[in-house]
Protein backbone atom coordinates (compact mmCIF):
# COMPACT_ATOMS: atom_id res chain seq x y z
CA MET A 1 -53.80 -36.90 79.10
CA HIS A 2 -55.93 -38.57 76.53
CA ARG A 3 -53.59 -41.48 76.19
CA LYS A 4 -52.64 -43.98 78.85
CA ARG A 5 -49.15 -45.43 78.73
CA VAL A 6 -48.79 -48.84 77.01
CA ALA A 7 -46.11 -51.47 77.60
CA ALA A 8 -43.84 -52.34 74.67
CA ALA A 9 -44.71 -55.90 73.30
CA LEU A 10 -45.21 -58.03 70.05
CA ALA A 11 -46.16 -61.29 68.46
CA VAL A 12 -46.89 -63.31 65.37
CA ALA A 13 -48.89 -66.44 64.31
CA ALA A 14 -49.14 -69.22 61.85
CA LEU A 15 -52.27 -70.71 60.26
CA THR A 16 -54.65 -73.65 59.90
CA GLY A 17 -56.87 -75.04 57.18
CA GLY A 18 -60.57 -75.24 56.43
CA ALA A 19 -63.01 -76.49 53.92
CA ALA A 20 -65.82 -74.87 51.94
CA ALA A 21 -68.79 -76.93 50.91
CA ALA A 22 -70.17 -77.19 47.52
CA THR A 23 -73.31 -78.67 46.14
CA GLY A 24 -74.60 -79.14 42.60
CA PRO A 25 -75.28 -81.77 39.88
CA ALA A 26 -72.94 -84.67 40.04
CA ALA A 27 -69.84 -84.36 37.60
CA ALA A 28 -67.22 -86.71 36.66
CA ALA A 29 -64.02 -86.20 38.51
CA ALA A 30 -61.43 -84.22 36.63
CA PRO A 31 -58.17 -86.08 36.01
CA LYS A 32 -55.54 -85.34 38.65
CA ALA A 33 -52.89 -82.97 37.44
CA PRO A 34 -49.21 -83.92 38.27
CA THR A 35 -47.95 -82.24 41.50
CA ALA A 36 -45.87 -79.24 40.75
CA PRO A 37 -42.70 -78.76 42.75
CA ALA A 38 -43.11 -76.25 45.66
CA PRO A 39 -41.97 -72.69 44.70
CA PRO A 40 -38.81 -71.50 46.42
CA ALA A 41 -39.33 -69.94 49.73
CA ASP A 42 -39.17 -66.19 49.90
CA CYS A 43 -38.40 -66.13 53.64
CA SER A 44 -37.44 -68.47 56.32
CA ALA A 45 -40.07 -70.85 57.86
CA ALA A 46 -40.59 -68.71 60.89
CA TYR A 47 -41.72 -65.77 58.78
CA THR A 48 -43.74 -67.67 56.22
CA ILE A 49 -47.44 -67.89 56.04
CA GLU A 50 -48.85 -70.37 53.57
CA GLN A 51 -52.39 -71.68 53.45
CA LYS A 52 -54.31 -73.75 50.88
CA LEU A 53 -57.99 -73.24 51.19
CA SER A 54 -60.59 -75.76 50.38
CA GLY A 55 -61.38 -74.39 46.94
CA GLY A 56 -57.99 -75.08 45.79
CA THR A 57 -56.50 -71.59 46.26
CA THR A 58 -53.14 -71.16 47.95
CA TRP A 59 -51.91 -67.92 49.54
CA ARG A 60 -48.28 -67.38 50.32
CA MET A 61 -46.64 -64.41 51.98
CA CYS A 62 -43.90 -63.34 54.39
CA TRP A 63 -44.26 -61.15 57.34
CA HIS A 64 -42.22 -58.95 59.61
CA TYR A 65 -42.94 -56.47 62.42
CA GLU A 66 -41.89 -52.80 62.90
CA SER A 67 -41.93 -50.64 65.87
CA GLU A 68 -44.38 -48.05 64.38
CA ALA A 69 -46.29 -49.75 61.55
CA GLY A 70 -46.74 -53.07 63.39
CA LEU A 71 -47.44 -55.92 61.15
CA VAL A 72 -46.05 -55.87 57.50
CA LEU A 73 -46.92 -58.36 54.89
CA ASP A 74 -44.29 -58.98 52.22
CA LYS A 75 -44.13 -60.90 48.85
CA VAL A 76 -47.97 -61.81 48.85
CA SER A 77 -48.75 -64.22 46.14
CA TYR A 78 -52.00 -65.98 45.00
CA GLN A 79 -52.12 -69.32 43.38
CA PRO A 80 -55.62 -70.52 42.34
CA LYS A 81 -56.20 -74.00 41.03
CA GLY A 82 -55.22 -74.44 37.43
CA GLU A 83 -52.27 -71.97 37.69
CA ALA A 84 -48.85 -73.64 37.47
CA LYS A 85 -47.19 -71.15 39.73
CA PRO A 86 -47.87 -68.49 42.19
CA ILE A 87 -48.95 -65.09 41.03
CA ARG A 88 -47.30 -62.27 42.82
CA VAL A 89 -49.74 -59.47 43.98
CA LEU A 90 -48.00 -57.32 46.44
CA THR A 91 -44.39 -56.57 47.41
CA THR A 92 -45.37 -55.02 50.74
CA ALA A 93 -48.71 -54.03 52.41
CA LYS A 94 -49.02 -52.25 55.82
CA LEU A 95 -50.79 -49.59 57.83
CA ALA A 96 -49.46 -46.12 57.03
CA GLN A 97 -51.13 -44.05 59.75
CA ILE A 98 -54.21 -43.86 62.10
CA HIS A 99 -54.81 -40.11 62.37
CA VAL A 100 -57.09 -39.07 65.22
CA PRO A 101 -58.16 -35.39 65.50
CA TYR A 102 -60.72 -34.48 68.23
CA ASP A 103 -63.62 -32.25 67.33
CA ASP A 104 -62.84 -29.60 69.99
CA GLY A 105 -59.32 -28.97 68.58
CA GLN A 106 -57.63 -29.96 71.86
CA TRP A 107 -56.06 -33.18 70.68
CA GLU A 108 -54.72 -34.49 67.42
CA TRP A 109 -52.80 -37.79 67.33
CA ASP A 110 -50.85 -39.80 64.80
CA ASP A 111 -51.29 -43.23 66.48
CA LEU A 112 -48.56 -45.04 64.51
CA THR A 113 -45.63 -42.67 64.45
CA GLY A 114 -46.56 -40.39 67.35
CA GLN A 115 -47.73 -43.08 69.84
CA ALA A 116 -45.46 -46.01 69.05
CA PHE A 117 -48.24 -48.09 67.52
CA GLY A 118 -46.05 -51.18 67.30
CA GLN A 119 -45.20 -51.19 71.00
CA GLY A 120 -48.70 -51.91 72.00
CA LEU A 121 -49.13 -55.42 70.49
CA GLN A 122 -51.55 -57.32 72.70
CA GLU A 123 -51.41 -60.87 73.95
CA LEU A 124 -54.17 -62.96 72.27
CA THR A 125 -56.07 -65.56 74.16
CA PRO A 126 -56.62 -68.99 72.48
CA GLY A 127 -60.33 -68.15 72.18
CA GLU A 128 -59.47 -65.17 69.93
CA CYS A 129 -57.99 -67.35 67.27
CA PRO A 130 -60.40 -70.26 66.79
CA GLY A 131 -59.03 -73.16 64.75
CA GLY A 132 -55.79 -71.13 64.22
CA THR A 133 -52.36 -70.64 65.61
CA ILE A 134 -50.82 -67.91 67.75
CA LYS A 135 -47.21 -67.45 67.66
CA THR A 136 -44.74 -65.55 69.73
CA VAL A 137 -42.69 -62.89 67.99
CA LYS A 138 -40.16 -60.28 69.01
CA VAL A 139 -41.44 -56.81 69.14
CA PRO A 140 -38.61 -54.24 68.45
CA ASP A 141 -38.43 -51.34 71.03
CA ALA A 142 -38.57 -48.02 69.27
CA PHE A 143 -35.99 -46.35 71.73
CA GLU A 144 -33.98 -49.12 73.16
CA PRO A 145 -31.98 -52.06 71.68
CA SER A 146 -34.27 -54.53 73.16
CA GLN A 147 -37.25 -56.73 72.24
CA ALA A 148 -40.25 -58.08 73.94
CA ASN A 149 -41.91 -61.42 73.26
CA VAL A 150 -45.80 -61.49 72.83
CA LYS A 151 -48.21 -64.07 71.53
CA GLY A 152 -49.79 -61.58 69.26
CA LEU A 153 -50.50 -62.70 65.71
CA CYS A 154 -53.34 -65.02 64.77
CA THR A 155 -53.55 -66.84 61.50
CA THR A 156 -56.56 -68.96 60.81
CA THR A 157 -59.37 -69.50 58.31
CA ARG A 158 -62.80 -68.18 58.32
CA SER A 159 -66.07 -68.95 56.30
CA ARG A 160 -67.55 -66.03 54.64
CA GLY A 161 -70.76 -67.42 53.29
CA HIS A 162 -71.65 -67.94 49.57
CA ALA A 163 -68.88 -67.88 47.15
CA TYR A 164 -71.28 -68.35 44.31
CA ARG A 165 -74.77 -69.91 43.42
CA MET A 166 -76.22 -70.67 40.04
CA ALA A 167 -79.40 -72.63 39.32
CA GLY A 168 -78.80 -75.98 37.73
CA GLU A 169 -80.61 -77.66 34.70
CA GLN A 170 -82.25 -79.94 37.06
CA ALA A 171 -85.22 -78.97 39.34
CA ASN A 172 -84.24 -78.07 42.98
CA LYS A 173 -80.50 -78.26 42.07
CA ALA A 174 -77.99 -75.55 42.20
CA TRP A 175 -74.35 -74.93 41.70
CA ALA A 176 -73.26 -73.37 45.01
CA ALA A 177 -70.20 -73.21 47.18
CA GLN A 178 -69.25 -71.64 50.57
CA GLY A 179 -66.23 -69.29 50.46
CA LYS A 180 -63.12 -69.46 52.73
CA ASP A 181 -60.68 -66.79 53.80
CA LEU A 182 -57.29 -66.85 55.20
CA LEU A 183 -57.43 -64.43 58.12
CA VAL A 184 -54.23 -62.74 59.55
CA TYR A 185 -54.57 -60.20 62.32
CA THR A 186 -53.06 -58.50 65.30
CA VAL A 187 -54.35 -56.18 68.12
CA ASN A 188 -52.50 -53.10 69.04
CA GLN A 189 -53.30 -50.88 72.08
CA VAL A 190 -52.83 -47.12 71.73
CA GLY A 191 -54.18 -45.39 74.89
CA TRP A 192 -57.67 -46.30 75.54
CA TYR A 193 -58.26 -47.66 72.00
CA GLU A 194 -57.37 -51.13 70.80
CA TYR A 195 -56.95 -51.50 66.96
CA ILE A 196 -57.64 -54.87 65.24
CA THR A 197 -55.41 -54.88 62.11
CA GLU A 198 -56.95 -57.48 59.88
CA TRP A 199 -56.12 -58.92 56.45
CA ARG A 200 -58.27 -61.42 54.69
CA PHE A 201 -57.27 -63.36 51.71
CA ALA A 202 -60.20 -65.01 49.98
CA ASP A 203 -60.23 -68.20 47.85
CA ASP A 204 -61.53 -66.11 44.88
CA GLY A 205 -58.44 -63.94 44.87
CA THR A 206 -60.00 -60.95 46.85
CA ILE A 207 -57.94 -59.25 49.52
CA SER A 208 -59.66 -57.27 52.26
CA ALA A 209 -57.88 -54.78 54.58
CA ASN A 210 -59.70 -53.52 57.70
CA VAL A 211 -59.00 -51.93 60.97
CA GLY A 212 -61.49 -52.35 63.80
CA ALA A 213 -61.42 -49.84 66.63
CA THR A 214 -62.56 -51.21 70.03
CA GLY A 215 -61.48 -50.85 73.77
CA SER A 216 -62.74 -47.92 75.75
CA LEU A 217 -63.79 -44.36 75.36
CA SER A 218 -61.40 -42.00 76.98
CA TYR A 219 -62.87 -40.90 80.34
CA ASP A 220 -60.36 -37.91 80.24
CA ASP A 221 -62.36 -36.64 77.28
CA TYR A 222 -65.79 -36.55 78.84
CA ASP A 223 -65.64 -32.71 78.62
CA ALA A 224 -67.43 -31.93 75.28
CA GLY A 225 -69.82 -29.13 74.71
CA ASP A 226 -71.11 -26.86 71.90
CA GLY A 227 -72.09 -29.75 69.73
CA ARG A 228 -68.70 -31.35 69.76
CA GLY A 229 -69.72 -34.34 71.83
CA TRP A 230 -72.43 -36.69 72.98
CA PRO A 231 -73.63 -37.31 76.50
CA ILE A 232 -72.62 -40.53 78.09
CA GLY A 233 -74.03 -41.74 81.44
CA LYS A 234 -76.98 -40.37 83.33
CA GLY A 235 -78.47 -37.17 82.35
CA ALA A 236 -76.68 -34.62 80.13
CA LYS A 237 -73.26 -34.81 81.73
CA ASP A 238 -70.09 -36.63 80.76
CA SER A 239 -70.24 -35.67 77.11
CA ALA A 240 -67.67 -37.80 75.29
CA THR A 241 -65.73 -35.69 72.72
CA SER A 242 -66.38 -36.69 69.13
CA HIS A 243 -63.31 -37.38 66.87
CA SER A 244 -62.20 -38.93 63.68
CA HIS A 245 -60.25 -42.04 62.76
CA ASN A 246 -58.47 -41.53 59.37
CA VAL A 247 -56.77 -44.73 58.57
CA PHE A 248 -54.17 -45.06 55.82
CA TRP A 249 -52.71 -48.10 54.16
CA ARG A 250 -49.52 -48.19 51.98
CA LEU A 251 -49.43 -50.82 49.22
CA ASN A 252 -46.42 -51.56 47.07
CA PHE A 253 -47.91 -53.65 44.17
CA GLY A 254 -45.58 -56.23 42.48
CA LEU A 255 -47.94 -57.83 40.10
CA ASP A 256 -46.24 -60.83 38.40
CA GLY A 257 -43.15 -59.86 40.27
CA SER A 258 -42.64 -56.52 38.57
CA SER A 259 -42.66 -53.07 40.17
CA ALA A 260 -43.54 -51.44 36.79
CA ASN A 261 -47.29 -51.56 37.17
CA ARG A 262 -49.72 -49.12 35.47
CA VAL A 263 -52.51 -47.17 37.09
CA GLU A 264 -55.76 -46.66 35.31
CA GLN A 265 -58.89 -44.58 36.30
CA TYR A 266 -62.39 -45.51 35.15
CA ASP A 267 -65.28 -43.08 35.06
CA SER A 268 -68.91 -43.92 33.86
CA VAL A 269 -71.38 -41.14 32.90
CA VAL A 270 -75.14 -41.77 32.56
CA THR A 271 -76.85 -39.70 29.86
CA PRO A 272 -80.59 -39.37 30.48
CA VAL A 273 -82.89 -39.77 27.57
CA ALA A 274 -85.91 -37.49 27.11
CA ASN A 275 -89.45 -38.64 26.18
CA GLY A 276 -89.28 -41.76 28.31
CA GLY A 277 -86.30 -43.42 26.53
CA THR A 278 -83.81 -45.69 28.31
CA PRO A 279 -80.58 -43.91 29.67
CA LYS A 280 -77.23 -44.92 28.33
CA THR A 281 -73.98 -45.32 30.20
CA LYS A 282 -70.53 -44.70 28.91
CA THR A 283 -67.30 -45.80 30.69
CA THR A 284 -63.96 -44.15 29.82
CA ARG A 285 -60.51 -45.30 30.85
CA THR A 286 -57.85 -42.76 31.62
CA PRO A 287 -54.24 -43.93 32.11
CA VAL A 288 -52.77 -42.32 35.21
CA ALA A 289 -49.23 -41.53 33.99
CA LYS A 290 -48.26 -39.13 36.79
CA GLU A 291 -48.67 -38.94 40.49
CA LEU A 292 -52.30 -38.37 41.56
CA ALA A 293 -54.39 -37.35 44.61
CA GLY A 294 -57.70 -39.09 43.71
CA ASP A 295 -61.21 -38.50 45.05
CA ALA A 296 -63.75 -41.40 44.95
CA LYS A 297 -67.12 -40.54 43.47
CA ALA A 298 -70.08 -42.41 42.06
CA MET A 299 -69.17 -44.77 39.23
CA ARG A 300 -65.32 -44.08 39.47
CA TRP A 301 -62.81 -46.59 40.29
CA TRP A 302 -59.02 -47.34 39.91
CA ARG A 303 -57.06 -50.47 39.05
CA MET A 304 -53.36 -51.55 39.21
CA VAL A 305 -52.35 -53.36 35.98
CA SER A 306 -49.65 -55.77 35.47
CA ALA A 307 -46.89 -54.67 32.98
CA THR A 308 -45.81 -58.15 32.36
CA GLY A 309 -48.48 -60.83 33.14
CA LYS A 310 -51.67 -61.79 31.15
CA ASN A 311 -54.24 -64.56 32.11
CA LYS A 312 -55.00 -67.49 29.84
CA ASP A 313 -57.42 -65.37 27.71
CA GLY A 314 -54.55 -62.91 27.04
CA HIS A 315 -55.91 -60.16 29.18
CA PRO A 316 -53.54 -58.12 31.38
CA ARG A 317 -53.83 -59.05 35.14
CA SER A 318 -54.98 -56.33 37.33
CA TYR A 319 -56.35 -55.53 40.85
CA GLU A 320 -59.25 -53.04 41.47
CA ILE A 321 -59.10 -50.84 44.44
CA VAL A 322 -62.62 -50.93 46.11
CA PRO A 323 -62.80 -48.22 49.00
CA GLY A 324 -65.20 -49.02 51.74
CA ALA A 325 -67.61 -46.67 53.38
CA THR A 326 -65.82 -43.50 54.41
CA THR A 327 -66.25 -39.97 56.03
CA LYS A 328 -63.75 -37.78 54.43
CA TYR A 329 -62.03 -35.48 56.88
CA PRO A 330 -61.21 -31.98 55.38
CA GLY A 331 -59.16 -30.71 58.26
CA ARG A 332 -55.74 -31.66 56.90
CA GLY A 333 -54.31 -31.66 53.39
CA PHE A 334 -53.32 -35.34 53.65
CA THR A 335 -56.93 -36.45 54.56
CA ARG A 336 -58.63 -34.56 51.81
CA HIS A 337 -58.30 -37.30 49.13
CA ASP A 338 -59.34 -41.03 49.19
CA VAL A 339 -56.43 -42.34 47.10
CA TYR A 340 -52.96 -41.25 46.33
CA PHE A 341 -50.60 -42.69 43.75
CA THR A 342 -46.87 -41.65 44.22
CA GLU A 343 -43.65 -42.71 42.68
CA TYR A 344 -41.67 -45.06 44.89
CA ASN A 345 -39.45 -43.39 47.39
CA LYS A 346 -37.98 -45.55 50.21
CA CYS A 347 -38.16 -42.61 52.59
CA GLU A 348 -41.92 -42.14 52.16
CA GLN A 349 -43.37 -44.73 54.57
CA PHE A 350 -46.30 -42.96 56.68
CA ALA A 351 -49.08 -40.89 55.33
CA SER A 352 -48.62 -38.23 57.99
CA ASN A 353 -45.85 -37.42 60.56
CA ASN A 354 -43.43 -39.45 58.38
CA LEU A 355 -40.49 -40.11 60.71
CA ARG A 356 -37.79 -40.05 58.08
CA ASN A 357 -36.24 -36.92 56.67
CA CYS A 358 -36.86 -37.11 52.96
CA GLY A 359 -34.90 -34.04 52.12
CA PRO A 360 -35.44 -30.27 51.87
CA GLY A 361 -38.83 -29.30 50.90
CA ALA A 362 -40.09 -32.91 50.80
CA GLY A 363 -42.77 -32.56 53.49
CA ARG A 364 -43.85 -35.23 55.98
CA SER A 365 -47.26 -36.20 54.58
CA VAL A 366 -48.54 -37.94 51.46
CA ASP A 367 -50.12 -34.91 50.00
CA LYS A 368 -46.82 -33.22 49.74
CA TRP A 369 -45.40 -36.04 47.72
CA VAL A 370 -47.73 -35.69 44.76
CA ASN A 371 -45.50 -33.53 42.50
CA GLY A 372 -46.24 -34.62 39.00
CA GLN A 373 -43.52 -37.25 38.72
CA THR A 374 -44.03 -39.86 36.09
CA LEU A 375 -45.26 -43.20 37.56
CA LYS A 376 -42.71 -45.84 36.88
CA HIS A 377 -43.06 -47.77 40.22
CA PRO A 378 -46.34 -46.54 41.57
CA ILE A 379 -47.09 -46.77 45.39
CA THR A 380 -50.83 -46.73 46.46
CA TRP A 381 -52.01 -44.99 49.55
CA VAL A 382 -55.74 -45.63 50.65
CA ASN A 383 -57.48 -43.30 53.18
CA VAL A 384 -60.64 -44.49 54.84
CA GLY A 385 -62.20 -42.17 57.34
CA PHE A 386 -64.78 -42.56 60.25
CA HIS A 387 -66.27 -39.75 62.34
CA HIS A 388 -66.92 -41.17 65.71
CA ILE A 389 -69.69 -39.57 67.66
CA ALA A 390 -69.95 -41.74 70.68
CA ARG A 391 -73.22 -43.43 71.98
CA ASP A 392 -74.30 -45.08 75.19
CA GLU A 393 -73.73 -48.37 73.51
CA ASP A 394 -69.99 -47.73 73.20
CA GLN A 395 -69.43 -48.64 76.87
CA GLN A 396 -68.20 -50.93 78.16
CA PRO A 397 -66.25 -52.30 76.35
CA MET A 398 -66.72 -50.49 73.02
CA PRO A 399 -68.09 -52.59 70.15
CA VAL A 400 -65.68 -52.78 67.14
CA HIS A 401 -66.25 -50.26 64.42
CA TRP A 402 -64.60 -51.24 61.09
CA GLN A 403 -63.22 -49.31 58.29
CA GLY A 404 -61.28 -50.58 55.23
CA PHE A 405 -61.26 -51.48 51.61
CA GLN A 406 -60.84 -54.46 49.21
CA LEU A 407 -58.47 -55.42 46.30
CA SER A 408 -60.60 -57.26 43.88
CA PRO A 409 -58.94 -59.45 41.14
CA ARG A 410 -59.84 -58.22 37.60
CA ASP A 411 -58.68 -60.60 34.88
CA VAL A 412 -56.18 -62.28 37.08
CA THR A 413 -57.60 -65.65 36.04
CA ALA A 414 -59.57 -66.36 32.75
CA MET A 415 -62.62 -67.59 34.75
CA ASN A 416 -63.85 -67.76 38.28
CA PRO A 417 -60.99 -69.47 40.11
CA LEU A 418 -63.65 -71.66 41.97
CA THR A 419 -65.38 -72.82 38.84
CA PRO A 420 -66.50 -76.48 39.08
CA PRO A 421 -64.77 -78.72 36.49
CA ALA A 422 -68.09 -79.47 34.71
CA LEU A 423 -68.51 -75.75 33.99
CA ALA A 424 -64.87 -75.15 32.92
CA ASP A 425 -65.82 -74.98 29.13
CA GLN A 426 -68.27 -72.12 29.75
CA ASN A 427 -65.77 -69.37 29.02
CA GLY A 428 -66.96 -66.36 26.82
CA ASN A 429 -69.82 -66.85 24.41
CA TYR A 430 -69.86 -70.65 24.77
CA GLN A 431 -73.27 -71.39 23.44
């Protein structure tokens, strides 16, 4: 068998703080604002993650753990400095499938719903969560009314390099700051693979979702031929079978606390100009009123727009979906598109091999759920693929290969949430 048996287990973790450095011309300290009362808790302390980063941004969220999806984040909110209260971003966010078809057609796996992904939560060592906290959580068994305790979820902070840099008016001076992220992650073992499920919440409001595959190549699959594998080891023997990792995420946005968000698609077209002229580019906005299976292409993007909230400039708050590098897998209907927007249905939880019976003719994969319904409560499904053609460097252990996407704030705040006080008046055409 391609998969080795994994024991049931689980865990969760807390968090710790960190500081980002900033340099630049000296500025008078801004008057200290009165301390606002803490917002009411959305969940008990044991299931709360709250972190104030050094730039003044606070992220808050709840979490729970499921036997198939693993870690689920709930009620995610973002409160940059200058905002009186938290801004809700997501109602729930989780993995929705890791689909692994092998190039020789012998094996095809749904690692979440077909391999009990949540059962394989791994115990983390202290060195894997530097500066952070690892908590013990109860992992529900998919088949028995029992639970296992595993120290398996790390919450910490990480530096990410420059948050911004801008030359100052004085020589050899610059406005500059180092950015910080809140990092929340788990590791789940499925067969020979170990998957790092990582969520990063940046002090500038960006959310990054990534899955890193590591562990081992399956020695049971050193049987490839006919261009469907790569030789591993001495000579031309032991050819590891190539395969794909098609990772799906399910996002239930709740911008400003409302499920009635709007989807918009943007496309830009460049018109060449003859006789040495300068090309022109035009961008058009298309409201996505009905369910959609979308394909990423050059100069196309989507955003989820708040139906109720605006920033201090009066612009509707939104989050832009920024897909990462991907290799689209055409072998199945549900992997043929990069983004799906479907109308909310509690039954629809996994992008393929959905475990729940959603009714006659509903189908068990996300492509079957795009039926032209009007989007009143849109659910976003993001698909990022990776075609893994093994190499000698993949042993042993296998270096992590990452795939994922970002949610980038667009008009959530009126200015950069990390703007220094001395530049706070430079909004719009300030000159």
